[in-house]
Protein backbone atom coordinates (compact mmCIF):
# COMPACT_ATOMS: atom_id res chain seq x y z
CA UNK A 1 -10.51 4.78 -15.40
CA UNK A 2 -12.43 2.94 -12.69
CA UNK A 3 -13.34 5.92 -10.52
CA UNK A 4 -14.33 3.90 -7.48
CA UNK A 5 -10.98 2.12 -7.33
CA UNK A 6 -9.10 5.36 -7.98
CA UNK A 7 -10.84 6.97 -5.02
CA UNK A 8 -10.23 3.88 -2.87
CA UNK A 9 -6.52 4.20 -3.57
CA UNK A 10 -6.60 7.77 -2.28
CA UNK A 11 -8.55 6.77 0.83
CA UNK A 12 -6.05 3.97 1.49
CA UNK A 13 -3.16 6.45 1.27
CA UNK A 14 -4.96 8.79 3.68
CA UNK A 15 -5.54 5.91 6.11
CA UNK A 16 -1.83 5.05 6.16
CA UNK A 17 -0.90 8.70 6.78
CA UNK A 18 -3.40 8.89 9.66
CA UNK A 19 -2.02 5.67 11.11
CA UNK A 20 1.60 6.78 11.14
CA UNK A 21 0.69 10.26 12.39
CA UNK A 22 -1.28 8.67 15.23
CA UNK A 23 1.47 6.23 16.19
CA UNK A 24 4.24 8.85 16.18
CA UNK A 25 2.19 11.47 18.00
CA UNK A 26 1.87 8.97 20.84
CA UNK A 27 5.66 8.55 20.86
CA UNK A 28 6.66 12.22 20.71
CA UNK A 29 4.03 14.35 22.44
CA UNK A 30 0.55 12.90 23.16
CA UNK A 31 -2.01 10.30 22.20
CA UNK A 32 -4.65 11.96 20.02
CA UNK A 33 -8.24 10.94 19.31
CA UNK A 34 -7.70 8.14 21.82
CA UNK A 35 -5.77 6.24 19.15
CA UNK A 36 -8.81 5.94 16.87
CA UNK A 37 -6.72 6.17 13.70
CA UNK A 38 -4.58 3.21 14.71
CA UNK A 39 -6.70 1.19 12.27
CA UNK A 40 -5.07 3.01 9.35
CA UNK A 41 -2.62 0.21 8.65
CA UNK A 42 -5.45 -1.49 6.75
CA UNK A 43 -4.65 0.91 3.92
CA UNK A 44 -1.71 -1.35 3.06
CA UNK A 45 -4.05 -4.34 2.73
CA UNK A 46 -6.22 -2.29 0.38
CA UNK A 47 -3.20 -1.30 -1.73
CA UNK A 48 -2.11 -4.91 -2.22
CA UNK A 49 -5.55 -6.16 -3.25
CA UNK A 50 -5.95 -3.17 -5.58
CA UNK A 51 -2.57 -3.88 -7.16
CA UNK A 52 -3.47 -7.50 -7.84
CA UNK A 53 -6.78 -6.43 -9.37
CA UNK A 54 -5.38 -3.67 -11.58
CA UNK A 55 -2.43 -5.64 -12.96
CA UNK A 56 -4.64 -8.60 -13.85
CA UNK A 57 -7.44 -6.37 -15.19
CA UNK A 58 -5.09 -4.41 -17.46
CA UNK A 59 -2.69 -7.13 -18.63
CA UNK A 60 -4.65 -10.41 -18.65
CA UNK A 61 -5.32 -10.15 -22.38
CA UNK A 62 -1.78 -9.12 -23.34
CA UNK A 63 -0.23 -11.18 -26.11
CA UNK A 64 2.44 -13.61 -24.78
CA UNK A 65 6.02 -13.21 -25.96
CA UNK A 66 9.38 -11.71 -25.13
CA UNK A 67 8.49 -8.27 -26.51
CA UNK A 68 5.35 -8.04 -24.37
CA UNK A 69 7.27 -9.33 -21.33
CA UNK A 70 9.91 -6.64 -21.80
CA UNK A 71 7.31 -3.89 -22.22
CA UNK A 72 5.47 -5.03 -19.09
CA UNK A 73 8.62 -4.80 -16.99
CA UNK A 74 9.67 -1.47 -18.44
CA UNK A 75 6.23 -0.07 -17.56
CA UNK A 76 6.43 -1.44 -14.02
CA UNK A 77 9.99 -0.22 -13.44
CA UNK A 78 9.09 3.25 -14.70
CA UNK A 79 6.08 3.31 -12.38
CA UNK A 80 7.96 2.22 -9.26
CA UNK A 81 11.56 3.44 -9.30
CA UNK A 82 11.65 7.07 -10.51
CA UNK A 83 9.31 8.34 -7.75
CA UNK A 84 10.89 6.06 -5.14
CA UNK A 85 14.62 6.65 -5.65
CA UNK A 86 14.84 10.40 -4.83
CA UNK A 87 13.08 9.90 -1.49
CA UNK A 88 15.16 6.85 -0.60
CA UNK A 89 18.44 8.52 -1.58
CA UNK A 90 17.68 11.60 0.50
CA UNK A 91 16.99 9.37 3.50
CA UNK A 92 20.19 7.38 2.93
CA UNK A 93 22.17 10.62 3.03
CA UNK A 94 20.25 11.85 6.06
CA UNK A 95 20.91 8.64 7.99
CA UNK A 96 24.59 8.77 7.04
CA UNK A 97 25.16 12.34 8.22
CA UNK A 98 22.48 12.38 10.95
CA UNK A 99 22.34 8.84 12.39
CA UNK A 100 20.05 9.93 15.23
CA UNK A 101 17.32 10.66 12.67
CA UNK A 102 17.08 6.90 12.03
CA UNK A 103 15.23 6.17 15.29
CA UNK A 104 17.95 4.46 17.23
CA UNK A 105 20.50 4.49 14.40
CA UNK A 106 19.04 1.27 12.99
CA UNK A 107 21.02 -0.62 10.38
CA UNK A 108 20.09 0.60 6.91
CA UNK A 109 20.55 -1.64 3.89
CA UNK A 110 22.02 -0.03 0.78
CA UNK A 111 20.77 -2.78 -1.55
CA UNK A 112 17.24 -2.76 -0.18
CA UNK A 113 17.19 1.05 -0.16
CA UNK A 114 18.21 1.42 -3.81
CA UNK A 115 17.03 -1.72 -5.58
CA UNK A 116 14.05 -2.90 -3.49
CA UNK A 117 15.70 -6.27 -2.97
CA UNK A 118 14.93 -7.81 0.44
CA UNK A 119 17.91 -8.08 2.79
CA UNK A 120 18.24 -8.56 6.57
CA UNK A 121 18.95 -4.81 6.87
CA UNK A 122 15.87 -2.63 6.59
CA UNK A 123 15.49 -0.05 3.80
CA UNK A 124 16.07 3.64 4.45
CA UNK A 125 12.46 4.39 3.51
CA UNK A 126 10.66 2.23 6.04
CA UNK A 127 7.43 1.85 4.06
CA UNK A 128 9.25 0.60 0.95
CA UNK A 129 8.98 -2.98 2.27
CA UNK A 130 5.62 -3.01 0.48
CA UNK A 131 7.31 -2.16 -2.83
CA UNK A 132 9.51 -5.24 -2.48
CA UNK A 133 6.37 -7.34 -2.39
CA UNK A 134 5.09 -5.44 -5.43
CA UNK A 135 8.22 -6.38 -7.34
CA UNK A 136 7.83 -10.02 -6.30
CA UNK A 137 4.25 -9.96 -7.58
CA UNK A 138 5.37 -8.46 -10.89
CA UNK A 139 7.86 -11.30 -11.28
CA UNK A 140 5.09 -13.82 -10.72
CA UNK A 141 2.69 -12.10 -13.08
CA UNK A 142 5.35 -11.84 -15.79
CA UNK A 143 5.06 -15.61 -16.21
CA UNK A 144 1.85 -14.94 -18.10
CA UNK A 145 3.99 -13.83 -21.05
CA UNK A 146 5.59 -17.27 -21.14
CA UNK A 147 2.21 -18.97 -21.29
CA UNK A 148 -1.06 -18.78 -19.38
CA UNK A 149 -0.89 -22.40 -18.26
CA UNK A 150 2.49 -21.83 -16.62
CA UNK A 151 1.19 -18.65 -15.02
CA UNK A 152 -1.96 -20.30 -13.62
CA UNK A 153 -0.02 -23.25 -12.24
CA UNK A 154 2.48 -20.89 -10.59
CA UNK A 155 -0.32 -18.82 -9.06
CA UNK A 156 -2.06 -21.94 -7.76
CA UNK A 157 1.16 -23.30 -6.26
CA UNK A 158 2.09 -20.01 -4.60
CA UNK A 159 -1.43 -19.54 -3.28
CA UNK A 160 -1.44 -23.05 -1.81
CA UNK A 161 1.92 -22.48 -0.13
CA UNK A 162 0.76 -19.16 1.31
CA UNK A 163 -2.36 -20.76 2.79
CA UNK A 164 -0.52 -23.80 4.15
CA UNK A 165 2.16 -21.67 5.81
CA UNK A 166 -0.14 -18.95 7.14
CA UNK A 167 0.20 -20.11 10.75
CA UNK A 168 3.86 -21.11 10.64
CA UNK A 169 6.28 -19.33 12.94
CA UNK A 170 8.55 -16.72 11.39
CA UNK A 171 11.88 -18.06 10.13
CA UNK A 172 14.62 -16.56 7.98
CA UNK A 173 13.96 -13.16 6.48
CA UNK A 174 13.57 -14.57 2.95
CA UNK A 175 11.04 -17.09 4.24
CA UNK A 176 9.11 -14.28 5.92
CA UNK A 177 9.25 -12.33 2.68
CA UNK A 178 8.05 -15.05 0.32
CA UNK A 179 5.37 -16.36 2.67
CA UNK A 180 4.17 -13.02 4.00
CA UNK A 181 0.38 -13.05 4.33
CA UNK A 182 0.17 -9.80 2.35
CA UNK A 183 1.19 -11.72 -0.76
CA UNK A 184 -2.19 -13.46 -0.64
CA UNK A 185 -3.79 -10.08 -1.25
CA UNK A 186 -2.34 -9.92 -4.75
CA UNK A 187 -3.96 -13.26 -5.52
CA UNK A 188 -7.27 -12.09 -4.06
CA UNK A 189 -7.12 -9.01 -6.27
CA UNK A 190 -6.48 -11.13 -9.36
CA UNK A 191 -9.35 -13.44 -8.42
CA UNK A 192 -11.71 -10.47 -8.14
CA UNK A 193 -10.59 -9.17 -11.54
CA UNK A 194 -11.14 -12.61 -13.08
CA UNK A 195 -14.65 -12.92 -11.63
CA UNK A 196 -15.64 -9.30 -12.30
CA UNK A 197 -14.64 -9.63 -15.96
CA UNK A 198 -17.29 -12.33 -16.35
CA UNK A 199 -20.05 -11.23 -14.02
CA UNK A 200 -20.93 -8.50 -11.55
CA UNK A 201 -23.91 -10.16 -9.93
CA UNK A 202 -24.57 -9.22 -6.33
CA UNK A 203 -22.01 -6.43 -6.50
CA UNK A 204 -24.10 -4.17 -4.25
CA UNK A 205 -24.43 -6.93 -1.68
CA UNK A 206 -20.68 -7.56 -1.78
CA UNK A 207 -19.94 -3.85 -1.37
CA UNK A 208 -22.32 -3.36 1.55
CA UNK A 209 -21.15 -6.53 3.28
CA UNK A 210 -17.49 -5.62 2.81
CA UNK A 211 -17.96 -2.06 4.09
CA UNK A 212 -20.05 -3.21 7.05
CA UNK A 213 -17.46 -5.79 8.10
CA UNK A 214 -14.64 -3.25 7.68
CA UNK A 215 -16.55 -0.81 9.89
CA UNK A 216 -16.93 -3.50 12.55
CA UNK A 217 -13.23 -4.31 12.27
CA UNK A 218 -12.28 -0.64 12.71
CA UNK A 219 -14.45 -0.48 15.83
CA UNK A 220 -12.78 -3.64 17.15
CA UNK A 221 -9.36 -2.01 16.70
CA UNK A 222 -10.55 1.09 18.55
CA UNK A 223 -11.95 -1.06 21.36
CA UNK A 224 -8.74 -3.14 21.40
CA UNK A 225 -10.77 -6.28 20.73
CA UNK A 226 -9.07 -7.34 17.50
CA UNK A 227 -6.19 -8.98 19.36
CA UNK A 228 -8.66 -11.22 21.20
CA UNK A 229 -10.72 -12.03 18.10
CA UNK A 230 -7.85 -13.34 15.97
CA UNK A 231 -5.45 -16.16 16.72
CA UNK A 232 -2.70 -14.39 14.78
CA UNK A 233 -2.17 -11.16 12.89
CA UNK A 234 -1.82 -13.23 9.71
CA UNK A 235 -5.41 -14.42 9.91
CA UNK A 236 -6.39 -10.86 10.68
CA UNK A 237 -4.78 -9.59 7.47
CA UNK A 238 -6.22 -12.49 5.49
CA UNK A 239 -9.71 -11.39 6.56
CA UNK A 240 -8.91 -7.79 5.62
CA UNK A 241 -7.81 -8.93 2.17
CA UNK A 242 -11.10 -10.79 1.68
CA UNK A 243 -13.13 -7.77 2.84
CA UNK A 244 -11.29 -5.41 0.49
CA UNK A 245 -11.76 -7.91 -2.33
CA UNK A 246 -15.52 -7.72 -1.70
CA UNK A 247 -15.42 -3.91 -1.65
CA UNK A 248 -13.45 -3.78 -4.91
CA UNK A 249 -15.86 -6.20 -6.58
CA UNK A 250 -18.75 -3.97 -5.54
CA UNK A 251 -17.08 -0.75 -6.67
CA UNK A 252 -16.32 -2.22 -10.10
CA UNK A 253 -19.99 -3.11 -10.48
CA UNK A 254 -21.09 0.41 -9.57
CA UNK A 255 -18.53 1.87 -11.95
CA UNK A 256 -19.96 -0.17 -14.79
CA UNK A 257 -23.43 1.08 -13.93
CA UNK A 258 -22.13 4.63 -14.04
CA UNK A 259 -23.56 5.34 -10.59
CA UNK A 260 -20.32 6.35 -8.85
CA UNK A 261 -19.69 10.04 -8.28
CA UNK A 262 -16.35 10.66 -6.62
CA UNK A 263 -15.48 14.08 -5.11
CA UNK A 264 -12.51 15.80 -6.73
CA UNK A 265 -10.41 15.66 -3.54
CA UNK A 266 -10.76 11.86 -3.51
CA UNK A 267 -9.70 11.67 -7.15
CA UNK A 268 -6.73 13.95 -6.46
CA UNK A 269 -5.66 11.80 -3.52
CA UNK A 270 -5.97 8.75 -5.76
CA UNK A 271 -3.72 10.28 -8.41
CA UNK A 272 -1.14 11.35 -5.84
CA UNK A 273 -1.47 8.25 -3.64
CA UNK A 274 1.94 6.79 -4.52
CA UNK A 275 3.73 10.07 -3.90
CA UNK A 276 1.85 10.56 -0.64
CA UNK A 277 2.81 7.06 0.42
CA UNK A 278 6.48 7.68 -0.37
CA UNK A 279 6.99 11.08 1.26
CA UNK A 280 4.69 10.92 4.26
CA UNK A 281 6.67 8.62 6.56
CA UNK A 282 9.87 10.66 6.91
CA UNK A 283 7.76 13.81 7.12
CA UNK A 284 5.61 12.36 9.89
CA UNK A 285 8.74 11.49 11.85
CA UNK A 286 10.34 14.91 11.32
CA UNK A 287 7.20 16.98 11.97
CA UNK A 288 6.34 15.06 15.13
CA UNK A 289 9.78 15.84 16.53
CA UNK A 290 9.24 19.51 15.74
CA UNK A 291 5.76 19.37 17.31
CA UNK A 292 7.28 17.90 20.48
CA UNK A 293 9.45 21.03 20.89
CA UNK A 294 6.40 23.30 20.88
CA UNK A 295 3.99 21.04 22.73
CA UNK A 296 2.66 22.84 25.81
CA UNK A 297 0.82 19.89 27.32
CA UNK A 298 -2.64 21.02 26.21
CA UNK A 299 -5.13 18.80 24.42
CA UNK A 300 -5.84 21.54 21.87
CA UNK A 301 -2.17 21.79 20.95
CA UNK A 302 -1.91 18.01 20.52
CA UNK A 303 -4.93 17.86 18.22
CA UNK A 304 -3.83 20.90 16.23
CA UNK A 305 -0.36 19.41 15.74
CA UNK A 306 -1.84 16.13 14.54
CA UNK A 307 -4.13 17.79 12.00
CA UNK A 308 -1.36 20.06 10.68
CA UNK A 309 1.03 17.12 10.32
CA UNK A 310 -1.52 15.08 8.35
CA UNK A 311 -2.38 18.01 6.08
CA UNK A 312 1.31 18.78 5.54
CA UNK A 313 2.00 15.20 4.49
CA UNK A 314 -0.90 15.21 2.05
CA UNK A 315 0.16 18.56 0.61
CA UNK A 316 3.77 17.44 0.24
CA UNK A 317 2.67 14.26 -1.51
CA UNK A 318 0.43 16.15 -3.91
CA UNK A 319 3.22 18.62 -4.73
CA UNK A 320 5.70 15.78 -5.26
CA UNK A 321 3.20 14.15 -7.60
CA UNK A 322 2.41 17.27 -9.62
CA UNK A 323 5.91 18.68 -9.95
CA UNK A 324 7.99 15.52 -10.10
CA UNK A 325 6.26 12.13 -10.36
CA UNK A 326 3.76 13.11 -13.05
CA UNK A 327 6.35 14.87 -15.21
CA UNK A 328 9.07 12.25 -14.74
CA UNK A 329 6.76 9.39 -15.67
CA UNK A 330 5.46 11.23 -18.74
CA UNK A 331 9.02 11.92 -19.90
CA UNK A 332 10.23 8.34 -19.37
CA UNK A 333 7.17 6.79 -21.00
CA UNK A 334 7.64 8.97 -24.07
CA UNK A 335 11.30 7.96 -24.31
CA UNK A 336 11.15 4.27 -23.38
CA UNK A 337 7.74 2.99 -24.49
């Protein structure tokens, strides 16, 4: 296990929870910490780059062939769907019987909610749009089992198209899906894995530079300067992908040196990061509505509500991981792999 990357995954999950808790607190009762945690959406950028790195790092040396291709997909499907489906199904039922819970009774897509296939209708679990991009990336990576040359040509072609279309205006939903700037992050993660497998020179410099630039970016978000600094949000996310690629490269180097010591809470958050990501969004929405009922207008009450909501989401995610995700994945892997 690469401890640094495991901890980074947990920190990314925490950032996303803080972001959604901050956004929804502003909607339902009060703006807390002056919106400082609005930067937390960068956790998604970190997740995508990490995913590209890990998949390439683990499977690059797999033997090509139909059997290996099948095993790769079974592993990926087991990892994604069993934890996802219970949460999505509960939300589908909730939106059916309690339409007002869907924030304006938005149109919910059955296909996207159950199968993670992109459709014009949004999925019941709002954050599962990221999982659709994960599945697209898995399809691309699976080409490696048909031959590395085919895989490399496909990666190069997709990367070129993503760069060329980065400033194009949004079109049809499928076009927005295939040419979403976040897809570049998978390629950046794979590039880091490829380079790190051969050399880890200047890893400390890369880590420090990446962290320093991320800190400056977070300050720019807090100061509301990021909208003036970037021509488009796509270029903004491209920069974030590059910065996280540098951080990951540095963490891998430190891991190989054996100099990383990660606190147990960070490691626990890393293990439960997927469960936290899945359960936190509906909980944030529900708990903020409850907090609004009890909000007395005081600053102390607003801050206390925010902290309790964040801690509740983390606790729920950890419990979901320990009592369901971990056991379900172990059972399915023993039966299917």
